[in-house]
C-alpha atoms as a PDB file:
ATOM      1  CA  MET A   1      -7.029  23.550 -65.191  1.00  0.00           C
ATOM      2  CA  THR A   2      -9.701  21.128 -66.353  1.00  0.00           C
ATOM      3  CA  PRO A   3      -9.737  17.877 -64.421  1.00  0.00           C
ATOM      4  CA  SER A   4      -7.985  15.241 -66.498  1.00  0.00           C
ATOM      5  CA  SER A   5     -10.555  12.706 -65.332  1.00  0.00           C
ATOM      6  CA  THR A   6     -12.194  13.341 -68.701  1.00  0.00           C
ATOM      7  CA  LEU A   7      -9.393  11.398 -70.396  1.00  0.00           C
ATOM      8  CA  PRO A   8     -10.743   8.076 -71.767  1.00  0.00           C
ATOM      9  CA  SER A   9      -8.819   5.781 -69.477  1.00  0.00           C
ATOM     10  CA  ASN A  10      -8.326   3.936 -66.214  1.00  0.00           C
ATOM     11  CA  VAL A  11      -6.268   5.515 -63.435  1.00  0.00           C
ATOM     12  CA  ILE A  12      -3.359   3.240 -62.517  1.00  0.00           C
ATOM     13  CA  ALA A  13      -1.445   5.654 -60.236  1.00  0.00           C
ATOM     14  CA  THR A  14      -1.923   9.010 -58.492  1.00  0.00           C
ATOM     15  CA  ASP A  15       0.226  11.632 -56.743  1.00  0.00           C
ATOM     16  CA  TYR A  16       3.010  11.365 -59.346  1.00  0.00           C
ATOM     17  CA  GLU A  17       3.727   7.769 -58.308  1.00  0.00           C
ATOM     18  CA  GLY A  18       6.330   6.283 -60.657  1.00  0.00           C
ATOM     19  CA  TRP A  19       7.148   9.618 -62.332  1.00  0.00           C
ATOM     20  CA  THR A  20      10.841  10.297 -62.846  1.00  0.00           C
ATOM     21  CA  PRO A  21      12.265  13.727 -62.001  1.00  0.00           C
ATOM     22  CA  GLU A  22      12.816  14.202 -65.754  1.00  0.00           C
ATOM     23  CA  LEU A  23       9.137  13.546 -66.512  1.00  0.00           C
ATOM     24  CA  ARG A  24       8.003  15.993 -63.838  1.00  0.00           C
ATOM     25  CA  GLN A  25      10.369  18.625 -65.265  1.00  0.00           C
ATOM     26  CA  GLU A  26       9.020  17.996 -68.783  1.00  0.00           C
ATOM     27  CA  PHE A  27       5.549  18.990 -67.569  1.00  0.00           C
ATOM     28  CA  VAL A  28       6.970  22.233 -66.155  1.00  0.00           C
ATOM     29  CA  ASP A  29       8.968  22.955 -69.312  1.00  0.00           C
ATOM     30  CA  ASN A  30       6.032  22.185 -71.633  1.00  0.00           C
ATOM     31  CA  ALA A  31       3.288  23.941 -69.660  1.00  0.00           C
ATOM     32  CA  TYR A  32       2.582  26.157 -72.697  1.00  0.00           C
ATOM     33  CA  ASN A  33       3.461  23.747 -75.519  1.00  0.00           C
ATOM     34  CA  THR A  34       0.356  23.834 -77.717  1.00  0.00           C
ATOM     35  CA  ASN A  35       1.653  21.467 -80.413  1.00  0.00           C
ATOM     36  CA  VAL A  36      -0.945  18.803 -79.761  1.00  0.00           C
ATOM     37  CA  GLY A  37      -0.004  16.515 -82.651  1.00  0.00           C
ATOM     38  CA  THR A  38       3.007  15.182 -84.468  1.00  0.00           C
ATOM     39  CA  ARG A  39       2.148  17.000 -87.717  1.00  0.00           C
ATOM     40  CA  LEU A  40      -0.089  19.971 -88.469  1.00  0.00           C
ATOM     41  CA  LEU A  41      -2.095  19.034 -91.568  1.00  0.00           C
ATOM     42  CA  SER A  42      -4.237  22.126 -92.030  1.00  0.00           C
ATOM     43  CA  GLU A  43      -4.973  25.453 -90.404  1.00  0.00           C
ATOM     44  CA  THR A  44      -7.686  28.017 -91.083  1.00  0.00           C
ATOM     45  CA  PRO A  45      -8.860  30.968 -88.981  1.00  0.00           C
ATOM     46  CA  THR A  46     -11.307  28.612 -87.227  1.00  0.00           C
ATOM     47  CA  ILE A  47      -9.626  25.164 -86.980  1.00  0.00           C
ATOM     48  CA  LYS A  48      -6.331  23.299 -86.807  1.00  0.00           C
ATOM     49  CA  VAL A  49      -6.168  19.697 -87.996  1.00  0.00           C
ATOM     50  CA  TRP A  50      -3.396  17.573 -86.491  1.00  0.00           C
ATOM     51  CA  HIS A  51      -2.175  14.084 -87.301  1.00  0.00           C
ATOM     52  CA  ILE A  52      -0.740  12.039 -84.444  1.00  0.00           C
ATOM     53  CA  ARG A  53       1.283   8.913 -85.144  1.00  0.00           C
ATOM     54  CA  VAL A  54       3.084   7.117 -82.307  1.00  0.00           C
ATOM     55  CA  ALA A  55       5.030   3.893 -82.875  1.00  0.00           C
ATOM     56  CA  PRO A  56       5.071   1.178 -80.204  1.00  0.00           C
ATOM     57  CA  GLY A  57       7.249   2.313 -77.306  1.00  0.00           C
ATOM     58  CA  GLU A  58       7.342   5.953 -78.457  1.00  0.00           C
ATOM     59  CA  ARG A  59       5.646   8.884 -76.797  1.00  0.00           C
ATOM     60  CA  VAL A  60       4.408  12.377 -77.547  1.00  0.00           C
ATOM     61  CA  PRO A  61       5.824  14.804 -74.944  1.00  0.00           C
ATOM     62  CA  ALA A  62       3.643  16.743 -72.546  1.00  0.00           C
ATOM     63  CA  HIS A  63       1.502  19.347 -74.256  1.00  0.00           C
ATOM     64  CA  ARG A  64      -1.299  21.754 -73.392  1.00  0.00           C
ATOM     65  CA  HIS A  65      -4.884  21.657 -74.621  1.00  0.00           C
ATOM     66  CA  ASP A  66      -6.712  24.942 -74.082  1.00  0.00           C
ATOM     67  CA  LYS A  67      -8.978  25.000 -77.133  1.00  0.00           C
ATOM     68  CA  ASP A  68     -12.110  22.920 -77.663  1.00  0.00           C
ATOM     69  CA  TYR A  69     -11.154  19.884 -79.729  1.00  0.00           C
ATOM     70  CA  PHE A  70     -11.916  16.329 -80.654  1.00  0.00           C
ATOM     71  CA  TRP A  71      -9.848  13.356 -81.695  1.00  0.00           C
ATOM     72  CA  THR A  72     -10.670  10.224 -83.656  1.00  0.00           C
ATOM     73  CA  ALA A  73      -8.596   7.042 -83.431  1.00  0.00           C
ATOM     74  CA  LEU A  74      -7.620   5.803 -86.894  1.00  0.00           C
ATOM     75  CA  ARG A  75      -6.320   2.480 -85.498  1.00  0.00           C
ATOM     76  CA  ALA A  76      -6.901   0.324 -82.462  1.00  0.00           C
ATOM     77  CA  GLY A  77      -4.228   0.508 -79.787  1.00  0.00           C
ATOM     78  CA  ARG A  78      -3.195   1.125 -76.180  1.00  0.00           C
ATOM     79  CA  SER A  79      -1.603   4.051 -74.402  1.00  0.00           C
ATOM     80  CA  ARG A  80      -0.348   5.380 -71.103  1.00  0.00           C
ATOM     81  CA  GLN A  81      -0.870   9.026 -70.270  1.00  0.00           C
ATOM     82  CA  HIS A  82       0.468  11.173 -67.490  1.00  0.00           C
ATOM     83  CA  SER A  83      -1.498  14.292 -66.607  1.00  0.00           C
ATOM     84  CA  GLU A  84      -0.632  17.493 -64.805  1.00  0.00           C
ATOM     85  CA  ASP A  85      -2.662  16.456 -61.742  1.00  0.00           C
ATOM     86  CA  GLY A  86      -0.154  13.642 -61.072  1.00  0.00           C
ATOM     87  CA  ALA A  87      -2.310  10.796 -62.353  1.00  0.00           C
ATOM     88  CA  THR A  88      -1.157   8.057 -64.691  1.00  0.00           C
ATOM     89  CA  ARG A  89      -3.788   6.428 -66.873  1.00  0.00           C
ATOM     90  CA  GLU A  90      -3.969   3.607 -69.373  1.00  0.00           C
ATOM     91  CA  ALA A  91      -6.391   3.570 -72.280  1.00  0.00           C
ATOM     92  CA  THR A  92      -7.481   1.219 -75.041  1.00  0.00           C
ATOM     93  CA  TYR A  93      -8.775   2.576 -78.349  1.00  0.00           C
ATOM     94  CA  ALA A  94     -10.856   0.993 -81.077  1.00  0.00           C
ATOM     95  CA  GLU A  95     -10.689   2.251 -84.639  1.00  0.00           C
ATOM     96  CA  GLY A  96     -13.189   5.091 -84.972  1.00  0.00           C
ATOM     97  CA  ASP A  97     -13.348   5.986 -81.269  1.00  0.00           C
ATOM     98  CA  THR A  98     -13.959   9.727 -80.956  1.00  0.00           C
ATOM     99  CA  LYS A  99     -13.802  11.971 -77.897  1.00  0.00           C
ATOM    100  CA  HIS A 100     -14.792  15.660 -77.629  1.00  0.00           C
ATOM    101  CA  TYR A 101     -13.393  18.138 -75.086  1.00  0.00           C
ATOM    102  CA  GLU A 102     -14.446  21.659 -74.139  1.00  0.00           C
ATOM    103  CA  PHE A 103     -12.322  24.201 -72.285  1.00  0.00           C
ATOM    104  CA  PRO A 104     -14.444  27.149 -71.149  1.00  0.00           C
ATOM    105  CA  GLY A 105     -12.739  30.238 -69.805  1.00  0.00           C
ATOM    106  CA  ASP A 106      -9.198  29.563 -68.635  1.00  0.00           C
ATOM    107  CA  ASP A 107      -9.594  25.775 -68.385  1.00  0.00           C
ATOM    108  CA  TYR A 108      -6.892  23.579 -69.889  1.00  0.00           C
ATOM    109  CA  MET A 109      -5.357  20.100 -69.739  1.00  0.00           C
ATOM    110  CA  ILE A 110      -1.696  19.051 -69.936  1.00  0.00           C
ATOM    111  CA  HIS A 111      -0.793  15.450 -70.687  1.00  0.00           C
ATOM    112  CA  ASP A 112       1.564  13.225 -72.653  1.00  0.00           C
ATOM    113  CA  LEU A 113       0.843  10.107 -74.715  1.00  0.00           C
ATOM    114  CA  GLU A 114       2.910   6.911 -74.746  1.00  0.00           C
ATOM    115  CA  ASN A 115       2.146   3.974 -77.022  1.00  0.00           C
ATOM    116  CA  THR A 116       2.174   0.885 -74.791  1.00  0.00           C
ATOM    117  CA  GLY A 117       0.746  -1.437 -77.414  1.00  0.00           C
ATOM    118  CA  ASP A 118       2.342  -3.452 -80.186  1.00  0.00           C
ATOM    119  CA  THR A 119       0.662  -1.548 -83.022  1.00  0.00           C
ATOM    120  CA  GLU A 120       1.072   2.036 -84.165  1.00  0.00           C
ATOM    121  CA  LEU A 121      -1.288   4.577 -82.577  1.00  0.00           C
ATOM    122  CA  GLU A 122      -2.796   7.022 -85.034  1.00  0.00           C
ATOM    123  CA  PHE A 123      -5.274   9.861 -84.464  1.00  0.00           C
ATOM    124  CA  ILE A 124      -6.702  12.897 -86.183  1.00  0.00           C
ATOM    125  CA  THR A 125      -7.243  15.811 -83.799  1.00  0.00           C
ATOM    126  CA  VAL A 126      -9.242  18.911 -84.714  1.00  0.00           C
ATOM    127  CA  GLU A 127      -8.892  22.043 -82.583  1.00  0.00           C
ATOM    128  CA  HIS A 128     -11.564  24.767 -82.758  1.00  0.00           C
ATOM    129  CA  LEU A 129      -9.786  28.133 -82.676  1.00  0.00           C
END
């Protein structure tokens, strides 16, 4: 597992504090869910391009990242993310923010994404296959 400290956010809780039993079970059930977006836009032998759109109050369930990727925020917004290490983080995005991740060897990251703002969150994510 790659430390989720690379997520662009501030830690607001650790050790699964505030997690419901249902949320903890979702992370177990989705340990190998590699659908990292809400819609797959394009796929070639070398990349997958995902669109992520999350309305205020909605969330994208836990999912696994195990391929190098980057995302770009298409709108400003705020989120809360839970990660497999038991941390809960909050993040603020500006339009155009971009973050790159690398997962050498067997490294991976599992997290969810909840829109805690009052505007729609929207990202493009590109996975390198």
